[in-house]
């Protein structure tokens, strides 16, 4: 019993040491969006005007208690393609997601239909269902968790690892017992996958909550999203006719 207790203490101390060494850094994410899946059946002819997939880069900065997810600027962030008097704008909405797990506080600066909102609220427990299914991502063993977004009618699958114990992840996703390394929305409609985990010392002002946008609560923002999605047939793509 004494030997087992000692081993447990050593294991606990080692885990704490390892966690302290790997508690700060940057995770590079790739966001792959299926553009064709967002088109309604009556607009199937528009598939020839736009690529099926669009790939974007983002990054998640984190330490032991905070995280910040943001876009990585790329040269081709604002494209317009189309023909026959139709312009399809594929401008990437500006978005910053800040989480402070110690204070249970979240601040999102999100652009939605051309307007910027500053969503400030407390962090609440996510409605996740954790399963026994697992897979490897970047050498980390990840468990599968699922949830539903009833506002946007989306089914969400997350793959998280307790080897990175911060309850964070890409975009607004988190509240799992470990870092989310992949999010799959509606079976491939949007997939966010970690490409690289780099442990490094962050700068003092790297993890700072955003301040730009009209201040609203999460409930108020979700109502705006629900109303606009109904008006626009559930699509976020703007179709401009000349």
Protein backbone atom coordinates (compact mmCIF):
# COMPACT_ATOMS: atom_id res chain seq x y z
CA UNK A 1 0.00 0.00 0.00
CA UNK A 2 2.83 2.40 0.86
CA UNK A 3 4.57 1.68 -2.46
CA UNK A 4 1.37 2.24 -4.39
CA UNK A 5 0.74 5.49 -2.52
CA UNK A 6 4.26 6.70 -3.27
CA UNK A 7 3.90 5.83 -6.95
CA UNK A 8 0.63 7.73 -7.04
CA UNK A 9 2.26 10.80 -5.49
CA UNK A 10 5.17 10.65 -7.94
CA UNK A 11 2.80 10.23 -10.87
CA UNK A 12 0.71 13.16 -9.68
CA UNK A 13 3.73 15.40 -9.25
CA UNK A 14 5.12 14.40 -12.66
CA UNK A 15 1.78 15.06 -14.35
CA UNK A 16 1.68 18.48 -12.68
CA UNK A 17 5.22 19.21 -13.84
CA UNK A 18 4.49 18.05 -17.40
CA UNK A 19 1.32 20.10 -17.47
CA UNK A 20 3.18 23.19 -16.31
CA UNK A 21 5.77 22.74 -19.05
CA UNK A 22 3.08 22.31 -21.73
CA UNK A 23 0.55 24.88 -20.60
CA UNK A 24 1.35 27.74 -22.98
CA UNK A 25 1.65 28.01 -26.74
CA UNK A 26 -0.10 28.19 -30.11
CA UNK A 27 -2.15 25.63 -32.03
CA UNK A 28 -2.42 26.16 -35.78
CA UNK A 29 -5.81 25.19 -37.24
CA UNK A 30 -7.06 24.60 -40.78
CA UNK A 31 -10.71 25.38 -41.44
CA UNK A 32 -12.17 23.57 -44.46
CA UNK A 33 -15.57 24.85 -45.59
CA UNK A 34 -17.78 23.04 -48.11
CA UNK A 35 -19.19 25.95 -50.13
CA UNK A 36 -21.56 23.76 -52.15
CA UNK A 37 -23.28 22.40 -49.04
CA UNK A 38 -24.48 25.90 -48.13
CA UNK A 39 -26.36 26.33 -51.40
CA UNK A 40 -30.10 25.51 -51.53
CA UNK A 41 -31.33 22.94 -54.10
CA UNK A 42 -32.75 25.66 -56.37
CA UNK A 43 -29.28 27.22 -56.67
CA UNK A 44 -27.52 24.02 -57.76
CA UNK A 45 -26.48 25.68 -61.04
CA UNK A 46 -24.27 28.06 -59.03
CA UNK A 47 -21.93 25.22 -58.07
CA UNK A 48 -20.04 25.72 -61.32
CA UNK A 49 -19.27 29.32 -60.28
CA UNK A 50 -17.58 28.58 -56.96
CA UNK A 51 -15.05 26.02 -55.72
CA UNK A 52 -16.47 23.17 -53.66
CA UNK A 53 -14.10 23.72 -50.75
CA UNK A 54 -12.44 26.75 -49.25
CA UNK A 55 -9.53 26.34 -46.86
CA UNK A 56 -8.66 28.97 -44.27
CA UNK A 57 -6.09 29.24 -41.50
CA UNK A 58 -6.64 30.17 -37.86
CA UNK A 59 -4.69 29.94 -34.62
CA UNK A 60 -5.46 29.27 -30.98
CA UNK A 61 -3.24 30.94 -28.39
CA UNK A 62 -3.44 29.48 -24.89
CA UNK A 63 -1.96 29.35 -21.43
CA UNK A 64 -3.04 27.55 -18.25
CA UNK A 65 -6.24 29.61 -17.84
CA UNK A 66 -6.89 31.58 -21.04
CA UNK A 67 -7.32 31.07 -24.77
CA UNK A 68 -7.80 33.26 -27.83
CA UNK A 69 -8.84 32.00 -31.28
CA UNK A 70 -8.42 34.26 -34.30
CA UNK A 71 -8.12 34.30 -38.08
CA UNK A 72 -4.72 34.13 -39.71
CA UNK A 73 -4.56 36.76 -42.42
CA UNK A 74 -4.05 35.39 -45.92
CA UNK A 75 -3.72 37.06 -49.30
CA UNK A 76 -6.91 35.57 -50.73
CA UNK A 77 -9.30 36.47 -47.93
CA UNK A 78 -11.69 38.43 -50.17
CA UNK A 79 -12.68 36.73 -53.42
CA UNK A 80 -15.53 37.36 -55.83
CA UNK A 81 -16.44 34.84 -58.50
CA UNK A 82 -19.47 34.41 -60.68
CA UNK A 83 -21.08 35.22 -63.96
CA UNK A 84 -24.38 36.15 -65.55
CA UNK A 85 -24.78 39.24 -63.39
CA UNK A 86 -24.16 37.35 -60.14
CA UNK A 87 -21.28 38.09 -57.79
CA UNK A 88 -20.65 35.58 -55.02
CA UNK A 89 -18.64 37.23 -52.26
CA UNK A 90 -16.59 34.89 -50.13
CA UNK A 91 -15.17 37.41 -47.70
CA UNK A 92 -14.13 35.80 -44.45
CA UNK A 93 -15.96 37.29 -41.46
CA UNK A 94 -13.66 38.80 -38.84
CA UNK A 95 -13.82 36.87 -35.58
CA UNK A 96 -11.92 36.70 -32.28
CA UNK A 97 -12.93 34.33 -29.47
CA UNK A 98 -11.44 34.96 -26.01
CA UNK A 99 -11.90 32.69 -22.99
CA UNK A 100 -10.81 33.18 -19.38
CA UNK A 101 -11.43 29.88 -17.62
CA UNK A 102 -10.33 31.20 -14.22
CA UNK A 103 -12.95 33.95 -14.30
CA UNK A 104 -15.45 31.86 -16.34
CA UNK A 105 -15.71 34.79 -18.77
CA UNK A 106 -15.91 34.86 -22.55
CA UNK A 107 -15.68 37.73 -25.03
CA UNK A 108 -16.28 37.24 -28.76
CA UNK A 109 -15.76 39.91 -31.40
CA UNK A 110 -17.79 38.62 -34.34
CA UNK A 111 -18.78 40.06 -37.70
CA UNK A 112 -22.21 38.88 -38.80
CA UNK A 113 -23.81 40.10 -42.04
CA UNK A 114 -21.52 43.12 -42.18
CA UNK A 115 -21.97 44.24 -38.57
CA UNK A 116 -19.51 43.68 -35.74
CA UNK A 117 -20.73 42.51 -32.34
CA UNK A 118 -18.92 42.22 -29.02
CA UNK A 119 -20.50 39.27 -27.23
CA UNK A 120 -19.68 39.30 -23.52
CA UNK A 121 -21.04 36.67 -21.16
CA UNK A 122 -20.18 34.00 -18.62
CA UNK A 123 -18.95 30.58 -19.70
CA UNK A 124 -21.59 27.93 -19.18
CA UNK A 125 -21.31 24.14 -19.26
CA UNK A 126 -21.62 22.78 -22.77
CA UNK A 127 -24.31 20.25 -23.63
CA UNK A 128 -21.77 17.65 -24.78
CA UNK A 129 -22.18 13.89 -24.85
CA UNK A 130 -18.78 12.20 -24.51
CA UNK A 131 -18.40 8.77 -26.12
CA UNK A 132 -15.81 6.00 -25.86
CA UNK A 133 -14.76 6.41 -29.52
CA UNK A 134 -11.21 7.66 -29.97
CA UNK A 135 -8.65 8.54 -32.65
CA UNK A 136 -5.20 10.09 -32.98
CA UNK A 137 -4.67 13.73 -33.99
CA UNK A 138 -1.07 14.99 -34.14
CA UNK A 139 -0.06 12.09 -31.92
CA UNK A 140 -2.61 12.96 -29.22
CA UNK A 141 -5.23 10.42 -28.23
CA UNK A 142 -8.60 12.16 -28.63
CA UNK A 143 -12.08 11.20 -27.45
CA UNK A 144 -15.24 11.97 -29.39
CA UNK A 145 -17.99 14.27 -28.06
CA UNK A 146 -21.21 15.36 -29.78
CA UNK A 147 -23.74 18.16 -29.39
CA UNK A 148 -26.44 19.99 -31.37
CA UNK A 149 -26.77 23.67 -32.29
CA UNK A 150 -30.53 24.13 -32.50
CA UNK A 151 -30.27 27.80 -33.54
CA UNK A 152 -28.35 27.04 -36.73
CA UNK A 153 -29.58 23.45 -37.03
CA UNK A 154 -26.10 21.96 -36.87
CA UNK A 155 -24.80 18.65 -35.55
CA UNK A 156 -21.33 19.04 -34.07
CA UNK A 157 -18.64 16.45 -33.40
CA UNK A 158 -15.59 17.37 -31.33
CA UNK A 159 -12.38 15.42 -30.78
CA UNK A 160 -10.56 16.46 -27.59
CA UNK A 161 -7.49 15.37 -25.64
CA UNK A 162 -6.90 15.46 -21.89
CA UNK A 163 -3.15 15.62 -22.60
CA UNK A 164 -3.81 19.36 -23.05
CA UNK A 165 -6.10 19.92 -20.05
CA UNK A 166 -7.38 23.43 -20.89
CA UNK A 167 -11.12 23.28 -21.68
CA UNK A 168 -10.80 25.28 -24.90
CA UNK A 169 -10.92 24.79 -28.65
CA UNK A 170 -11.41 26.44 -32.05
CA UNK A 171 -13.96 29.25 -32.52
CA UNK A 172 -16.64 29.23 -29.80
CA UNK A 173 -16.21 25.56 -28.94
CA UNK A 174 -14.92 24.30 -25.59
CA UNK A 175 -16.23 23.18 -22.19
CA UNK A 176 -14.81 19.68 -22.52
CA UNK A 177 -12.25 18.05 -20.18
CA UNK A 178 -9.38 18.83 -22.53
CA UNK A 179 -8.35 20.74 -25.63
CA UNK A 180 -10.45 20.26 -28.76
CA UNK A 181 -8.21 19.43 -31.72
CA UNK A 182 -10.96 18.93 -34.29
CA UNK A 183 -14.52 20.14 -34.87
CA UNK A 184 -16.74 18.62 -37.57
CA UNK A 185 -20.00 20.46 -38.28
CA UNK A 186 -22.78 18.66 -40.17
CA UNK A 187 -20.57 15.77 -41.29
CA UNK A 188 -18.04 17.74 -43.30
CA UNK A 189 -19.80 21.04 -43.96
CA UNK A 190 -17.18 22.79 -41.82
CA UNK A 191 -14.14 20.98 -40.41
CA UNK A 192 -11.58 22.66 -38.13
CA UNK A 193 -8.49 20.53 -37.58
CA UNK A 194 -5.32 21.23 -35.61
CA UNK A 195 -2.24 21.15 -37.85
CA UNK A 196 0.49 21.91 -35.32
CA UNK A 197 0.84 22.30 -31.55
CA UNK A 198 3.74 24.53 -30.53
CA UNK A 199 4.60 25.09 -26.88
CA UNK A 200 6.18 28.51 -26.43
CA UNK A 201 6.17 31.55 -24.17
CA UNK A 202 3.53 34.04 -25.33
CA UNK A 203 3.92 37.78 -25.27
CA UNK A 204 2.24 39.74 -22.48
CA UNK A 205 -0.45 41.23 -24.73
CA UNK A 206 -1.17 38.09 -26.82
CA UNK A 207 -4.07 36.95 -24.65
CA UNK A 208 -6.20 40.08 -24.41
CA UNK A 209 -9.97 40.18 -24.80
CA UNK A 210 -11.24 42.01 -27.91
CA UNK A 211 -12.98 45.36 -27.46
CA UNK A 212 -14.51 46.24 -30.84
CA UNK A 213 -18.19 45.84 -31.68
CA UNK A 214 -21.67 46.51 -30.31
CA UNK A 215 -21.87 45.02 -26.83
CA UNK A 216 -24.53 42.36 -26.43
CA UNK A 217 -25.06 39.12 -24.49
CA UNK A 218 -24.83 35.62 -25.91
CA UNK A 219 -28.62 35.26 -25.81
CA UNK A 220 -29.09 38.52 -27.71
CA UNK A 221 -26.54 37.50 -30.34
CA UNK A 222 -28.14 34.09 -30.83
CA UNK A 223 -31.52 35.77 -31.40
CA UNK A 224 -29.96 38.02 -34.07
CA UNK A 225 -28.43 34.96 -35.72
CA UNK A 226 -31.70 33.00 -35.62
CA UNK A 227 -33.72 35.90 -37.07
CA UNK A 228 -31.24 36.57 -39.87
CA UNK A 229 -30.90 32.89 -40.75
CA UNK A 230 -34.67 32.63 -41.12
CA UNK A 231 -34.73 35.72 -43.34
CA UNK A 232 -31.91 34.41 -45.50
CA UNK A 233 -33.07 30.83 -45.80
CA UNK A 234 -30.38 29.54 -43.43
CA UNK A 235 -27.47 30.81 -45.55
CA UNK A 236 -24.67 33.21 -44.62
CA UNK A 237 -23.43 33.72 -48.18
CA UNK A 238 -24.36 37.04 -49.78
CA UNK A 239 -25.53 36.88 -53.39
CA UNK A 240 -25.29 40.26 -55.12
CA UNK A 241 -27.00 40.79 -58.48
CA UNK A 242 -25.69 43.61 -60.65
